[in-house]
Structures are given as C-alpha cells and as structure tokens.
Amino acid sequence: MFGSLFTSSPSDFPASVDATSADLPFDFKRFFTGDVEGWGVFHGRNQHADQHFSAAMHTKWLSSDEAILNEDFIWSDGRKQERKWHITFEDTDRFTATADDIIGKAYGLIEDNALRMSYEMIVTRASGQKINLTFDDRLYRVSEKSIINKTLIKKFGIHIGSLSSAFVKAG
C-alpha cells in the first residue's frame, strides 16, 4: 500500500484516515500557512527512544492548490536535515507531495480532524549508508494551533520504528 507500490491513480491515496473528531476540522492550508514549530522522538523497533529533534517549518503558497513547505530539523546527535516539499492539492481533501529524498510521490488524505500521508523516503544513516524506508504519517489536529503526529516506519514491510511528534503554529 505504501511507497514504491504507489502509482499515480486515485487508489494510491490512503483508504482511511482514522479521524477522531469532526469538531476540529484539519484545515491544511490554514494551519500550514506561515511558521510552524515541532518536536519529536524516534523510537526504534525495541521502543527505545533513540533520537529526538526540533523542527522549524515555513509554507509559501504559490496558488490556491500549490505550496512549498520547507522543513528544517535539528536532531539530538547534532545532524541538521532540510526538506522542501512541493505540495499539490487534487481537491479539498487529497494531495500529492514530492521532495528530493522522496521516491515518487507522497499521497495525503484529510478527513475530519486527521491527515494521513504515505510515502517512501531515502534516509541517510549515521554511517552514510542510504536506505529506503516507508512512512505512514497520521496527524491529528487537537486544538486551534496544535497537531499531534504518529509515524510508523517500515523497511521491506517490516516495522522498524516510529516517530511521535507535536507541531504548534507560531503566532
């Protein structure tokens, strides 16, 4: 269902989002306009907290359906990571995204207060080795200015870790 198994048909989008509430709709365009700060923890397959990070994000809308979302991460081991997402909305609740370290496209679906995005990423390990990992992001809007995220990470379909993070809209 994820990563390199995607093609460019509508069935590539996640089948469900697992929303928790319709009371706080996930308005991607509103939340990700301007600056957003984030913090998170990576847990390896043994559930040990192996790394943590802080992030700064800024989104610039090129049109009503296209945006550039810049992410800057600082990891607990001192590594800095940058990603520039090119996001295109197919309609109000479906979008695709690309970035230099993403294989093919990421596919996102918004439903009620939740967003789910699946993609395959080329990750550079501390040793310099590059590996392809599949990510399943599930973001939940929990207040006007905050989102909680849980990401499941797999290699060859086998769970290798997860990422828990929180994002807060600046201002």
C-alpha atoms as a PDB file:
ATOM      1  CA  MET A   1       0.000   0.000   0.000  1.00  0.00           C
ATOM      2  CA  PHE A   2       2.900   2.409   0.614  1.00  0.00           C
ATOM      3  CA  GLY A   3       5.942   3.921  -1.058  1.00  0.00           C
ATOM      4  CA  SER A   4       7.184   2.296  -4.245  1.00  0.00           C
ATOM      5  CA  LEU A   5       3.944   0.348  -4.554  1.00  0.00           C
ATOM      6  CA  PHE A   6       2.180   3.606  -5.413  1.00  0.00           C
ATOM      7  CA  THR A   7       1.353   4.564  -8.954  1.00  0.00           C
ATOM      8  CA  SER A   8      -0.436   7.733  -9.982  1.00  0.00           C
ATOM      9  CA  SER A   9      -4.044   6.575  -9.823  1.00  0.00           C
ATOM     10  CA  PRO A  10      -6.658   7.701  -7.257  1.00  0.00           C
ATOM     11  CA  SER A  11      -6.313   4.352  -5.463  1.00  0.00           C
ATOM     12  CA  ASP A  12      -2.832   5.491  -4.338  1.00  0.00           C
ATOM     13  CA  PHE A  13      -4.382   7.631  -1.640  1.00  0.00           C
ATOM     14  CA  PRO A  14      -4.789   6.058   1.802  1.00  0.00           C
ATOM     15  CA  ALA A  15      -8.114   4.248   2.131  1.00  0.00           C
ATOM     16  CA  SER A  16      -8.886   5.765   5.529  1.00  0.00           C
ATOM     17  CA  VAL A  17      -7.570   8.345   7.925  1.00  0.00           C
ATOM     18  CA  ASP A  18      -8.789   7.174  11.360  1.00  0.00           C
ATOM     19  CA  ALA A  19     -10.128  10.593  12.358  1.00  0.00           C
ATOM     20  CA  THR A  20     -11.121  11.165  15.974  1.00  0.00           C
ATOM     21  CA  SER A  21     -13.421  14.170  15.647  1.00  0.00           C
ATOM     22  CA  ALA A  22     -15.248  16.333  13.125  1.00  0.00           C
ATOM     23  CA  ASP A  23     -15.333  19.203  15.646  1.00  0.00           C
ATOM     24  CA  LEU A  24     -11.799  20.399  14.793  1.00  0.00           C
ATOM     25  CA  PRO A  25     -11.500  20.043  11.015  1.00  0.00           C
ATOM     26  CA  PHE A  26      -7.951  19.655   9.717  1.00  0.00           C
ATOM     27  CA  ASP A  27      -7.503  22.731   7.545  1.00  0.00           C
ATOM     28  CA  PHE A  28      -4.092  22.087   5.970  1.00  0.00           C
ATOM     29  CA  LYS A  29      -3.946  25.427   4.175  1.00  0.00           C
ATOM     30  CA  ARG A  30      -4.798  27.413   7.290  1.00  0.00           C
ATOM     31  CA  PHE A  31      -2.512  25.515   9.680  1.00  0.00           C
ATOM     32  CA  PHE A  32       0.487  25.357   7.366  1.00  0.00           C
ATOM     33  CA  THR A  33       0.398  28.970   6.197  1.00  0.00           C
ATOM     34  CA  GLY A  34       3.346  30.751   7.789  1.00  0.00           C
ATOM     35  CA  ASP A  35       5.571  29.311  10.510  1.00  0.00           C
ATOM     36  CA  VAL A  36       5.144  26.081  12.473  1.00  0.00           C
ATOM     37  CA  GLU A  37       7.448  24.659  15.160  1.00  0.00           C
ATOM     38  CA  GLY A  38       7.771  20.995  16.038  1.00  0.00           C
ATOM     39  CA  TRP A  39       9.424  18.488  18.373  1.00  0.00           C
ATOM     40  CA  GLY A  40       9.578  14.739  18.225  1.00  0.00           C
ATOM     41  CA  VAL A  41      11.103  11.444  19.333  1.00  0.00           C
ATOM     42  CA  PHE A  42      12.172   8.469  17.187  1.00  0.00           C
ATOM     43  CA  HIS A  43      11.599   5.046  18.765  1.00  0.00           C
ATOM     44  CA  GLY A  44      13.442   2.047  17.292  1.00  0.00           C
ATOM     45  CA  ARG A  45      11.808  -1.353  16.908  1.00  0.00           C
ATOM     46  CA  ASN A  46      12.632  -2.072  20.571  1.00  0.00           C
ATOM     47  CA  GLN A  47      10.540   1.016  21.520  1.00  0.00           C
ATOM     48  CA  HIS A  48      13.654   2.705  22.984  1.00  0.00           C
ATOM     49  CA  ALA A  49      13.774   6.484  22.414  1.00  0.00           C
ATOM     50  CA  ASP A  50      16.829   6.576  20.140  1.00  0.00           C
ATOM     51  CA  GLN A  51      16.756  10.189  18.900  1.00  0.00           C
ATOM     52  CA  HIS A  52      14.794  13.387  19.311  1.00  0.00           C
ATOM     53  CA  PHE A  53      14.517  16.515  17.172  1.00  0.00           C
ATOM     54  CA  SER A  54      13.239  20.034  16.911  1.00  0.00           C
ATOM     55  CA  ALA A  55      11.871  21.418  13.654  1.00  0.00           C
ATOM     56  CA  ALA A  56      11.004  24.733  12.058  1.00  0.00           C
ATOM     57  CA  MET A  57       8.637  24.796   9.093  1.00  0.00           C
ATOM     58  CA  HIS A  58       7.515  27.537   6.763  1.00  0.00           C
ATOM     59  CA  THR A  59       4.980  27.236   3.959  1.00  0.00           C
ATOM     60  CA  LYS A  60       4.614  29.553   0.992  1.00  0.00           C
ATOM     61  CA  TRP A  61       1.504  29.172  -1.158  1.00  0.00           C
ATOM     62  CA  LEU A  62       2.164  29.556  -4.894  1.00  0.00           C
ATOM     63  CA  SER A  63      -1.550  29.316  -5.738  1.00  0.00           C
ATOM     64  CA  SER A  64      -4.716  28.126  -4.003  1.00  0.00           C
ATOM     65  CA  ASP A  65      -3.692  24.498  -4.686  1.00  0.00           C
ATOM     66  CA  GLU A  66       0.132  24.532  -4.713  1.00  0.00           C
ATOM     67  CA  ALA A  67       2.623  25.212  -1.938  1.00  0.00           C
ATOM     68  CA  ILE A  68       6.255  24.840  -0.933  1.00  0.00           C
ATOM     69  CA  LEU A  69       6.703  23.602   2.656  1.00  0.00           C
ATOM     70  CA  ASN A  70      10.272  23.964   3.958  1.00  0.00           C
ATOM     71  CA  GLU A  71      11.293  21.799   6.933  1.00  0.00           C
ATOM     72  CA  ASP A  72      14.488  22.299   8.956  1.00  0.00           C
ATOM     73  CA  PHE A  73      15.278  19.621  11.557  1.00  0.00           C
ATOM     74  CA  ILE A  74      17.966  19.539  14.236  1.00  0.00           C
ATOM     75  CA  TRP A  75      18.490  16.031  15.647  1.00  0.00           C
ATOM     76  CA  SER A  76      19.827  15.217  19.122  1.00  0.00           C
ATOM     77  CA  ASP A  77      23.078  13.896  17.611  1.00  0.00           C
ATOM     78  CA  GLY A  78      23.714  17.310  16.007  1.00  0.00           C
ATOM     79  CA  ARG A  79      22.663  16.390  12.464  1.00  0.00           C
ATOM     80  CA  LYS A  80      20.763  19.014  10.508  1.00  0.00           C
ATOM     81  CA  GLN A  81      18.255  17.970   7.906  1.00  0.00           C
ATOM     82  CA  GLU A  82      16.355  20.041   5.368  1.00  0.00           C
ATOM     83  CA  ARG A  83      13.439  19.059   3.167  1.00  0.00           C
ATOM     84  CA  LYS A  84      11.467  21.088   0.648  1.00  0.00           C
ATOM     85  CA  TRP A  85       8.046  19.595  -0.053  1.00  0.00           C
ATOM     86  CA  HIS A  86       6.229  20.570  -3.259  1.00  0.00           C
ATOM     87  CA  ILE A  87       2.541  20.068  -2.435  1.00  0.00           C
ATOM     88  CA  THR A  88      -0.333  19.940  -4.926  1.00  0.00           C
ATOM     89  CA  PHE A  89      -3.953  19.573  -3.838  1.00  0.00           C
ATOM     90  CA  GLU A  90      -6.056  17.331  -6.089  1.00  0.00           C
ATOM     91  CA  ASP A  91      -9.215  18.540  -4.318  1.00  0.00           C
ATOM     92  CA  THR A  92     -10.069  19.768  -0.804  1.00  0.00           C
ATOM     93  CA  ASP A  93      -9.135  16.522   0.956  1.00  0.00           C
ATOM     94  CA  ARG A  94      -6.479  14.855  -1.259  1.00  0.00           C
ATOM     95  CA  PHE A  95      -2.977  15.993  -2.166  1.00  0.00           C
ATOM     96  CA  THR A  96       0.313  14.744  -3.529  1.00  0.00           C
ATOM     97  CA  ALA A  97       3.768  15.894  -2.488  1.00  0.00           C
ATOM     98  CA  THR A  98       7.318  15.471  -3.722  1.00  0.00           C
ATOM     99  CA  ALA A  99      10.743  16.233  -2.259  1.00  0.00           C
ATOM    100  CA  ASP A 100      14.324  15.418  -3.243  1.00  0.00           C
ATOM    101  CA  ASP A 101      14.582  12.471  -0.846  1.00  0.00           C
ATOM    102  CA  ILE A 102      11.114  11.074  -1.597  1.00  0.00           C
ATOM    103  CA  ILE A 103      10.806   8.199  -4.072  1.00  0.00           C
ATOM    104  CA  GLY A 104       7.937   9.012  -6.409  1.00  0.00           C
ATOM    105  CA  LYS A 105       5.132  10.886  -4.687  1.00  0.00           C
ATOM    106  CA  ALA A 106       3.690  11.104  -1.205  1.00  0.00           C
ATOM    107  CA  TYR A 107      -0.096  10.744  -1.078  1.00  0.00           C
ATOM    108  CA  GLY A 108      -2.190  12.548   1.515  1.00  0.00           C
ATOM    109  CA  LEU A 109      -5.803  12.308   2.579  1.00  0.00           C
ATOM    110  CA  ILE A 110      -7.631  14.632   5.001  1.00  0.00           C
ATOM    111  CA  GLU A 111     -10.765  13.580   6.871  1.00  0.00           C
ATOM    112  CA  ASP A 112     -12.367  15.453   9.779  1.00  0.00           C
ATOM    113  CA  ASN A 113      -9.535  16.357  12.217  1.00  0.00           C
ATOM    114  CA  ALA A 114      -6.968  13.969  10.717  1.00  0.00           C
ATOM    115  CA  LEU A 115      -4.476  13.750   7.886  1.00  0.00           C
ATOM    116  CA  ARG A 116      -2.772  10.593   6.667  1.00  0.00           C
ATOM    117  CA  MET A 117       0.213  10.672   4.315  1.00  0.00           C
ATOM    118  CA  SER A 118       2.156   7.686   2.964  1.00  0.00           C
ATOM    119  CA  TYR A 119       5.487   7.776   1.146  1.00  0.00           C
ATOM    120  CA  GLU A 120       8.871   6.149   0.627  1.00  0.00           C
ATOM    121  CA  MET A 121      11.964   8.114   1.625  1.00  0.00           C
ATOM    122  CA  ILE A 122      15.696   7.709   1.060  1.00  0.00           C
ATOM    123  CA  VAL A 123      17.231   8.015   4.547  1.00  0.00           C
ATOM    124  CA  THR A 124      20.938   8.511   5.179  1.00  0.00           C
ATOM    125  CA  ARG A 125      22.133   6.639   8.258  1.00  0.00           C
ATOM    126  CA  ALA A 126      24.846   7.999  10.583  1.00  0.00           C
ATOM    127  CA  SER A 127      27.300   5.677   8.769  1.00  0.00           C
ATOM    128  CA  GLY A 128      26.486   7.408   5.471  1.00  0.00           C
ATOM    129  CA  GLN A 129      24.623   4.368   4.133  1.00  0.00           C
ATOM    130  CA  LYS A 130      21.408   5.235   2.278  1.00  0.00           C
ATOM    131  CA  ILE A 131      18.320   3.085   2.815  1.00  0.00           C
ATOM    132  CA  ASN A 132      14.736   3.270   1.550  1.00  0.00           C
ATOM    133  CA  LEU A 133      12.087   3.384   4.263  1.00  0.00           C
ATOM    134  CA  THR A 134       8.297   3.553   4.059  1.00  0.00           C
ATOM    135  CA  PHE A 135       6.490   6.147   6.195  1.00  0.00           C
ATOM    136  CA  ASP A 136       2.844   6.238   7.249  1.00  0.00           C
ATOM    137  CA  ASP A 137       2.155   9.641   8.863  1.00  0.00           C
ATOM    138  CA  ARG A 138      -1.028  10.156  10.871  1.00  0.00           C
ATOM    139  CA  LEU A 139      -1.572  13.720  12.035  1.00  0.00           C
ATOM    140  CA  TYR A 140      -4.405  14.791  14.343  1.00  0.00           C
ATOM    141  CA  ARG A 141      -5.496  18.362  14.964  1.00  0.00           C
ATOM    142  CA  VAL A 142      -6.056  18.619  18.715  1.00  0.00           C
ATOM    143  CA  SER A 143      -6.511  22.385  19.096  1.00  0.00           C
ATOM    144  CA  GLU A 144      -6.617  25.550  17.015  1.00  0.00           C
ATOM    145  CA  LYS A 145      -2.807  25.749  16.933  1.00  0.00           C
ATOM    146  CA  SER A 146      -1.535  22.220  17.580  1.00  0.00           C
ATOM    147  CA  ILE A 147      -1.182  18.878  15.822  1.00  0.00           C
ATOM    148  CA  ILE A 148      -0.024  15.519  17.178  1.00  0.00           C
ATOM    149  CA  ASN A 149       1.690  13.116  14.746  1.00  0.00           C
ATOM    150  CA  LYS A 150       2.411   9.382  14.884  1.00  0.00           C
ATOM    151  CA  THR A 151       4.526   7.941  12.081  1.00  0.00           C
ATOM    152  CA  LEU A 152       5.019   4.221  11.505  1.00  0.00           C
ATOM    153  CA  ILE A 153       8.263   3.355   9.706  1.00  0.00           C
ATOM    154  CA  LYS A 154       8.896   0.132   7.769  1.00  0.00           C
ATOM    155  CA  LYS A 155      11.603  -1.470   5.660  1.00  0.00           C
ATOM    156  CA  PHE A 156      10.547  -4.289   3.316  1.00  0.00           C
ATOM    157  CA  GLY A 157       7.144  -4.206   5.047  1.00  0.00           C
ATOM    158  CA  ILE A 158       8.677  -4.891   8.483  1.00  0.00           C
ATOM    159  CA  HIS A 159       8.132  -2.380  11.296  1.00  0.00           C
ATOM    160  CA  ILE A 160      11.487  -0.839  12.261  1.00  0.00           C
ATOM    161  CA  GLY A 161      10.418   2.166  14.298  1.00  0.00           C
ATOM    162  CA  SER A 162       8.043   5.027  14.902  1.00  0.00           C
ATOM    163  CA  LEU A 163       8.112   8.756  15.319  1.00  0.00           C
ATOM    164  CA  SER A 164       5.942  10.710  17.759  1.00  0.00           C
ATOM    165  CA  SER A 165       5.833  14.460  17.303  1.00  0.00           C
ATOM    166  CA  ALA A 166       3.896  17.628  18.045  1.00  0.00           C
ATOM    167  CA  PHE A 167       3.581  20.739  15.895  1.00  0.00           C
ATOM    168  CA  VAL A 168       2.480  24.195  17.006  1.00  0.00           C
ATOM    169  CA  LYS A 169       1.510  27.070  14.734  1.00  0.00           C
ATOM    170  CA  ALA A 170       3.550  30.151  15.558  1.00  0.00           C
ATOM    171  CA  GLY A 171       1.818  33.388  16.424  1.00  0.00           C
END
